[in-house]
C-alpha atoms as a PDB file:
ATOM      1  CA  GLU A   1     -34.688 -15.070 -10.659  1.00  0.00           C
ATOM      2  CA  LEU A   2     -37.148 -16.448  -8.151  1.00  0.00           C
ATOM      3  CA  GLU A   3     -36.730 -17.598  -4.576  1.00  0.00           C
ATOM      4  CA  LEU A   4     -38.282 -20.985  -3.871  1.00  0.00           C
ATOM      5  CA  GLY A   5     -37.872 -22.867  -0.630  1.00  0.00           C
ATOM      6  CA  GLY A   6     -35.187 -20.452   0.560  1.00  0.00           C
ATOM      7  CA  GLU A   7     -33.043 -20.964  -2.564  1.00  0.00           C
ATOM      8  CA  HIS A   8     -32.635 -18.779  -5.609  1.00  0.00           C
ATOM      9  CA  HIS A   9     -33.780 -20.324  -8.886  1.00  0.00           C
ATOM     10  CA  TRP A  10     -33.415 -18.984 -12.379  1.00  0.00           C
ATOM     11  CA  PHE A  11     -35.818 -19.753 -15.183  1.00  0.00           C
ATOM     12  CA  GLU A  12     -35.713 -19.313 -18.917  1.00  0.00           C
ATOM     13  CA  LEU A  13     -39.089 -18.393 -20.362  1.00  0.00           C
ATOM     14  CA  SER A  14     -40.180 -18.599 -23.966  1.00  0.00           C
ATOM     15  CA  ALA A  15     -43.549 -17.793 -25.470  1.00  0.00           C
ATOM     16  CA  SER A  16     -45.008 -18.494 -28.881  1.00  0.00           C
ATOM     17  CA  ARG A  17     -48.354 -17.702 -30.419  1.00  0.00           C
ATOM     18  CA  ARG A  18     -50.337 -20.487 -32.065  1.00  0.00           C
ATOM     19  CA  GLY A  19     -53.207 -19.861 -34.405  1.00  0.00           C
ATOM     20  CA  THR A  20     -55.059 -16.647 -35.333  1.00  0.00           C
ATOM     21  CA  GLY A  21     -58.138 -14.784 -34.255  1.00  0.00           C
ATOM     22  CA  GLU A  22     -60.214 -16.147 -31.403  1.00  0.00           C
ATOM     23  CA  ALA A  23     -58.576 -19.528 -31.706  1.00  0.00           C
ATOM     24  CA  ALA A  24     -55.157 -18.028 -31.004  1.00  0.00           C
ATOM     25  CA  THR A  25     -53.316 -19.396 -28.020  1.00  0.00           C
ATOM     26  CA  VAL A  26     -50.053 -18.582 -26.383  1.00  0.00           C
ATOM     27  CA  LEU A  27     -47.748 -21.381 -25.426  1.00  0.00           C
ATOM     28  CA  MET A  28     -45.442 -20.551 -22.493  1.00  0.00           C
ATOM     29  CA  LEU A  29     -42.497 -22.765 -21.684  1.00  0.00           C
ATOM     30  CA  SER A  30     -40.443 -22.483 -18.525  1.00  0.00           C
ATOM     31  CA  ARG A  31     -37.176 -24.250 -17.944  1.00  0.00           C
ATOM     32  CA  ASP A  32     -35.207 -24.235 -14.664  1.00  0.00           C
ATOM     33  CA  ILE A  33     -31.667 -23.074 -15.510  1.00  0.00           C
ATOM     34  CA  SER A  34     -30.520 -22.666 -11.916  1.00  0.00           C
ATOM     35  CA  SER A  35     -27.617 -25.110 -12.159  1.00  0.00           C
ATOM     36  CA  ARG A  36     -26.361 -23.425 -15.353  1.00  0.00           C
ATOM     37  CA  ARG A  37     -26.661 -19.971 -13.767  1.00  0.00           C
ATOM     38  CA  ARG A  38     -24.831 -21.113 -10.617  1.00  0.00           C
ATOM     39  CA  ALA A  39     -22.048 -22.500 -12.812  1.00  0.00           C
ATOM     40  CA  GLU A  40     -21.878 -19.184 -14.727  1.00  0.00           C
ATOM     41  CA  LEU A  41     -21.703 -17.210 -11.463  1.00  0.00           C
ATOM     42  CA  ALA A  42     -19.003 -19.539 -10.109  1.00  0.00           C
ATOM     43  CA  LEU A  43     -17.024 -19.046 -13.327  1.00  0.00           C
ATOM     44  CA  ILE A  44     -17.356 -15.256 -13.073  1.00  0.00           C
ATOM     45  CA  GLN A  45     -16.211 -15.347  -9.436  1.00  0.00           C
ATOM     46  CA  ALA A  46     -13.262 -17.587 -10.329  1.00  0.00           C
ATOM     47  CA  ARG A  47     -12.240 -15.233 -13.152  1.00  0.00           C
ATOM     48  CA  GLU A  48     -12.481 -12.228 -10.824  1.00  0.00           C
ATOM     49  CA  ALA A  49     -10.430 -14.050  -8.180  1.00  0.00           C
ATOM     50  CA  ASN A  50      -7.796 -14.944 -10.794  1.00  0.00           C
ATOM     51  CA  LEU A  51      -7.658 -11.352 -12.026  1.00  0.00           C
ATOM     52  CA  GLN A  52      -7.302 -10.091  -8.450  1.00  0.00           C
ATOM     53  CA  ALA A  53      -4.561 -12.639  -7.731  1.00  0.00           C
ATOM     54  CA  ALA A  54      -2.690 -11.588 -10.896  1.00  0.00           C
ATOM     55  CA  HIS A  55      -3.084  -7.929  -9.902  1.00  0.00           C
ATOM     56  CA  ASP A  56      -1.803  -8.697  -6.391  1.00  0.00           C
ATOM     57  CA  ARG A  57       1.222 -10.551  -7.823  1.00  0.00           C
ATOM     58  CA  ARG A  58       2.046  -7.617 -10.131  1.00  0.00           C
ATOM     59  CA  PHE A  59       1.669  -5.133  -7.276  1.00  0.00           C
ATOM     60  CA  ARG A  60       3.848  -7.242  -4.982  1.00  0.00           C
ATOM     61  CA  ALA A  61       6.532  -7.552  -7.697  1.00  0.00           C
ATOM     62  CA  LEU A  62       6.527  -3.759  -8.173  1.00  0.00           C
ATOM     63  CA  TYR A  63       6.539  -3.137  -4.422  1.00  0.00           C
ATOM     64  CA  ASP A  64       9.434  -5.539  -3.913  1.00  0.00           C
ATOM     65  CA  ALA A  65      11.386  -3.962  -6.795  1.00  0.00           C
ATOM     66  CA  LEU A  66      11.129  -0.377  -5.527  1.00  0.00           C
ATOM     67  CA  PRO A  67      14.543   1.285  -5.336  1.00  0.00           C
ATOM     68  CA  VAL A  68      13.548   2.888  -2.022  1.00  0.00           C
ATOM     69  CA  ALA A  69      12.564   1.268   1.248  1.00  0.00           C
ATOM     70  CA  ALA A  70       8.800   1.111   1.751  1.00  0.00           C
ATOM     71  CA  THR A  71       6.255  -0.078   4.287  1.00  0.00           C
ATOM     72  CA  TYR A  72       2.517  -0.520   4.120  1.00  0.00           C
ATOM     73  CA  LEU A  73       0.665   0.324   7.339  1.00  0.00           C
ATOM     74  CA  GLU A  74      -2.940  -0.285   8.443  1.00  0.00           C
ATOM     75  CA  ASP A  75      -4.326   0.904  11.776  1.00  0.00           C
ATOM     76  CA  GLY A  76      -0.882   1.166  13.363  1.00  0.00           C
ATOM     77  CA  ARG A  77       0.148  -2.301  12.150  1.00  0.00           C
ATOM     78  CA  VAL A  78       3.075  -2.807   9.802  1.00  0.00           C
ATOM     79  CA  VAL A  79       1.494  -5.036   7.161  1.00  0.00           C
ATOM     80  CA  GLN A  80       4.395  -5.224   4.696  1.00  0.00           C
ATOM     81  CA  VAL A  81       7.985  -4.120   4.338  1.00  0.00           C
ATOM     82  CA  ASN A  82       9.810  -4.428   1.039  1.00  0.00           C
ATOM     83  CA  PRO A  83      13.251  -6.053   0.687  1.00  0.00           C
ATOM     84  CA  ARG A  84      14.959  -2.659   0.390  1.00  0.00           C
ATOM     85  CA  PHE A  85      13.547  -1.728   3.834  1.00  0.00           C
ATOM     86  CA  VAL A  86      15.059  -4.859   5.414  1.00  0.00           C
ATOM     87  CA  GLU A  87      18.336  -4.228   3.573  1.00  0.00           C
ATOM     88  CA  MET A  88      18.483  -0.578   4.672  1.00  0.00           C
ATOM     89  CA  PHE A  89      17.400  -0.859   8.300  1.00  0.00           C
ATOM     90  CA  GLY A  90      17.923  -4.533   9.171  1.00  0.00           C
ATOM     91  CA  TYR A  91      14.405  -4.926  10.558  1.00  0.00           C
ATOM     92  CA  GLY A  92      11.715  -7.252   9.222  1.00  0.00           C
ATOM     93  CA  LEU A  93       8.077  -7.692  10.149  1.00  0.00           C
ATOM     94  CA  ALA A  94       8.982  -9.899  13.116  1.00  0.00           C
ATOM     95  CA  GLU A  95      10.847  -7.020  14.802  1.00  0.00           C
ATOM     96  CA  ILE A  96       8.398  -4.266  13.899  1.00  0.00           C
ATOM     97  CA  PRO A  97       4.852  -5.654  13.811  1.00  0.00           C
ATOM     98  CA  THR A  98       3.503  -2.217  14.775  1.00  0.00           C
ATOM     99  CA  VAL A  99       4.485   1.412  14.343  1.00  0.00           C
ATOM    100  CA  GLU A 100       4.827   1.640  18.138  1.00  0.00           C
ATOM    101  CA  ALA A 101       7.480  -1.099  17.996  1.00  0.00           C
ATOM    102  CA  TRP A 102       9.340   0.874  15.274  1.00  0.00           C
ATOM    103  CA  TRP A 103       9.677   4.168  17.165  1.00  0.00           C
ATOM    104  CA  PRO A 104      12.138   3.120  19.918  1.00  0.00           C
ATOM    105  CA  LEU A 105      14.237   1.049  17.502  1.00  0.00           C
ATOM    106  CA  ALA A 106      14.564   3.782  14.892  1.00  0.00           C
ATOM    107  CA  TYR A 107      14.784   6.668  17.363  1.00  0.00           C
ATOM    108  CA  PRO A 108      16.380   5.392  20.594  1.00  0.00           C
ATOM    109  CA  ASP A 109      16.821   8.894  22.054  1.00  0.00           C
ATOM    110  CA  PRO A 110      13.512   9.616  23.858  1.00  0.00           C
ATOM    111  CA  ALA A 111      13.605  13.378  23.196  1.00  0.00           C
ATOM    112  CA  TYR A 112      14.291  12.975  19.469  1.00  0.00           C
ATOM    113  CA  ARG A 113      11.684  10.191  19.271  1.00  0.00           C
ATOM    114  CA  ALA A 114       9.037  12.455  20.831  1.00  0.00           C
ATOM    115  CA  GLU A 115       9.927  15.223  18.358  1.00  0.00           C
ATOM    116  CA  VAL A 116       9.741  12.829  15.385  1.00  0.00           C
ATOM    117  CA  LYS A 117       6.452  11.256  16.524  1.00  0.00           C
ATOM    118  CA  ALA A 118       4.804  14.653  17.054  1.00  0.00           C
ATOM    119  CA  GLY A 119       5.991  15.949  13.683  1.00  0.00           C
ATOM    120  CA  TRP A 120       4.881  12.772  11.905  1.00  0.00           C
ATOM    121  CA  ALA A 121       1.425  12.918  13.536  1.00  0.00           C
ATOM    122  CA  GLN A 122       1.014  16.539  12.404  1.00  0.00           C
ATOM    123  CA  ARG A 123       2.030  15.669   8.845  1.00  0.00           C
ATOM    124  CA  VAL A 124      -0.365  12.700   8.736  1.00  0.00           C
ATOM    125  CA  ASP A 125      -3.212  14.905  10.034  1.00  0.00           C
ATOM    126  CA  ALA A 126      -2.411  17.514   7.371  1.00  0.00           C
ATOM    127  CA  ALA A 127      -2.409  14.787   4.708  1.00  0.00           C
ATOM    128  CA  ARG A 128      -5.840  13.595   5.888  1.00  0.00           C
ATOM    129  CA  ALA A 129      -7.160  17.125   5.528  1.00  0.00           C
ATOM    130  CA  GLY A 130      -5.487  17.521   2.118  1.00  0.00           C
ATOM    131  CA  GLY A 131      -4.893  15.173  -0.755  1.00  0.00           C
ATOM    132  CA  GLY A 132      -3.424  12.334   1.294  1.00  0.00           C
ATOM    133  CA  ARG A 133       0.214  12.996   0.396  1.00  0.00           C
ATOM    134  CA  ILE A 134       2.713  13.163   3.261  1.00  0.00           C
ATOM    135  CA  PRO A 135       5.632  15.281   2.006  1.00  0.00           C
ATOM    136  CA  ALA A 136       9.064  13.786   2.613  1.00  0.00           C
ATOM    137  CA  ARG A 137      11.094  15.196   5.487  1.00  0.00           C
ATOM    138  CA  GLU A 138      14.600  14.384   6.658  1.00  0.00           C
ATOM    139  CA  PHE A 139      15.134  12.260   9.766  1.00  0.00           C
ATOM    140  CA  ARG A 140      18.091  10.500  11.376  1.00  0.00           C
ATOM    141  CA  VAL A 141      17.138   6.831  11.699  1.00  0.00           C
ATOM    142  CA  THR A 142      19.070   4.268  13.739  1.00  0.00           C
ATOM    143  CA  CYS A 143      19.457   0.898  12.022  1.00  0.00           C
ATOM    144  CA  ARG A 144      19.549  -2.502  13.681  1.00  0.00           C
ATOM    145  CA  GLU A 145      23.376  -2.629  13.630  1.00  0.00           C
ATOM    146  CA  GLY A 146      23.533   0.823  15.243  1.00  0.00           C
ATOM    147  CA  ARG A 147      24.383   2.861  12.145  1.00  0.00           C
ATOM    148  CA  VAL A 148      22.511   6.166  11.918  1.00  0.00           C
ATOM    149  CA  ARG A 149      21.226   7.042   8.451  1.00  0.00           C
ATOM    150  CA  ASP A 150      19.943  10.344   7.104  1.00  0.00           C
ATOM    151  CA  VAL A 151      16.620   9.411   5.540  1.00  0.00           C
ATOM    152  CA  LEU A 152      13.845  11.271   3.705  1.00  0.00           C
ATOM    153  CA  ILE A 153      10.554   9.831   4.947  1.00  0.00           C
ATOM    154  CA  GLY A 154       7.253  10.567   3.227  1.00  0.00           C
ATOM    155  CA  GLY A 155       4.142   8.716   2.238  1.00  0.00           C
ATOM    156  CA  GLN A 156       0.670   8.505   0.822  1.00  0.00           C
ATOM    157  CA  LEU A 157      -2.572   7.822   2.655  1.00  0.00           C
ATOM    158  CA  LEU A 158      -4.752   5.182   1.019  1.00  0.00           C
ATOM    159  CA  ASP A 159      -8.313   4.031   1.634  1.00  0.00           C
ATOM    160  CA  ARG A 160      -7.393   1.632   4.424  1.00  0.00           C
ATOM    161  CA  GLY A 161      -3.828   2.505   5.295  1.00  0.00           C
ATOM    162  CA  MET A 162      -0.718   4.250   4.085  1.00  0.00           C
ATOM    163  CA  VAL A 163       2.449   3.615   2.143  1.00  0.00           C
ATOM    164  CA  VAL A 164       5.564   5.115   3.716  1.00  0.00           C
ATOM    165  CA  THR A 165       8.785   5.530   1.721  1.00  0.00           C
ATOM    166  CA  PHE A 166      12.319   5.886   3.062  1.00  0.00           C
ATOM    167  CA  THR A 167      15.057   7.351   0.848  1.00  0.00           C
ATOM    168  CA  ASP A 168      18.593   7.063   2.224  1.00  0.00           C
ATOM    169  CA  ILE A 169      20.454  10.345   1.671  1.00  0.00           C
ATOM    170  CA  SER A 170      23.388   9.533   3.954  1.00  0.00           C
ATOM    171  CA  GLU A 171      25.938   9.509   1.124  1.00  0.00           C
ATOM    172  CA  LEU A 172      24.607  12.802  -0.224  1.00  0.00           C
ATOM    173  CA  LYS A 173      24.886  14.359   3.236  1.00  0.00           C
ATOM    174  CA  GLN A 174      28.471  13.044   3.515  1.00  0.00           C
ATOM    175  CA  VAL A 175      29.409  14.544   0.138  1.00  0.00           C
ATOM    176  CA  GLU A 176      27.815  17.854   1.151  1.00  0.00           C
ATOM    177  CA  ALA A 177      29.847  17.876   4.377  1.00  0.00           C
ATOM    178  CA  GLU A 178      33.055  17.107   2.476  1.00  0.00           C
ATOM    179  CA  LEU A 179      32.323  19.901  -0.017  1.00  0.00           C
ATOM    180  CA  ARG A 180      31.752  22.351   2.851  1.00  0.00           C
ATOM    181  CA  LEU A 181      35.066  21.335   4.426  1.00  0.00           C
ATOM    182  CA  ALA A 182      36.867  21.713   1.088  1.00  0.00           C
ATOM    183  CA  ARG A 183      35.242  25.103   0.512  1.00  0.00           C
ATOM    184  CA  ASP A 184      36.171  26.258   4.018  1.00  0.00           C
ATOM    185  CA  ALA A 185      39.744  25.033   3.546  1.00  0.00           C
ATOM    186  CA  ALA A 186      39.978  26.825   0.198  1.00  0.00           C
ATOM    187  CA  GLN A 187      38.660  30.047   1.721  1.00  0.00           C
ATOM    188  CA  ALA A 188      41.118  29.772   4.641  1.00  0.00           C
ATOM    189  CA  ALA A 189      44.004  29.170   2.216  1.00  0.00           C
ATOM    190  CA  SER A 190      42.913  32.123   0.113  1.00  0.00           C
ATOM    191  CA  LEU A 191      42.791  34.389   3.192  1.00  0.00           C
ATOM    192  CA  ALA A 192      46.208  33.181   4.356  1.00  0.00           C
ATOM    193  CA  LYS A 193      47.886  34.460   1.164  1.00  0.00           C
END
């Protein structure tokens, strides 16, 4: 590779020896292969772009198929939400373009919101100091239609952002409450005998 006139040029060199002894000469041939090399580089870049696009499509298909709600965040911006997130909470990117827009919607009570935000910030800081994993913790999240869900929220820090997952445990909490009531009723009946 050689730079001539501000442009990169590539040359193919070949050498051959002619004759013997003192009469020996070396014949050097140089051929400009710049256009071929540019075409090769363009082909390599196109292949890499195609591979990246295929990788992105596979990742998006997996992300969209997750059985739990998920978001991808970068610098306080909500970059992506998967379909399960929209289904669970009723909010899409238009309603929550930033994490700051999410807080009052998901946690309308100011005191609870402050508690959640402080706890989340501590867990994110701990994840930065550790392996990047944000252990799931239970929160009560208000959905767009006003329903409050019991949700395990955790995540993973990545190079440029984080993935946050939301697992709805509302039904499990309901079953637990019903089992407690049944147990309490059984104990009261047993004591009444």
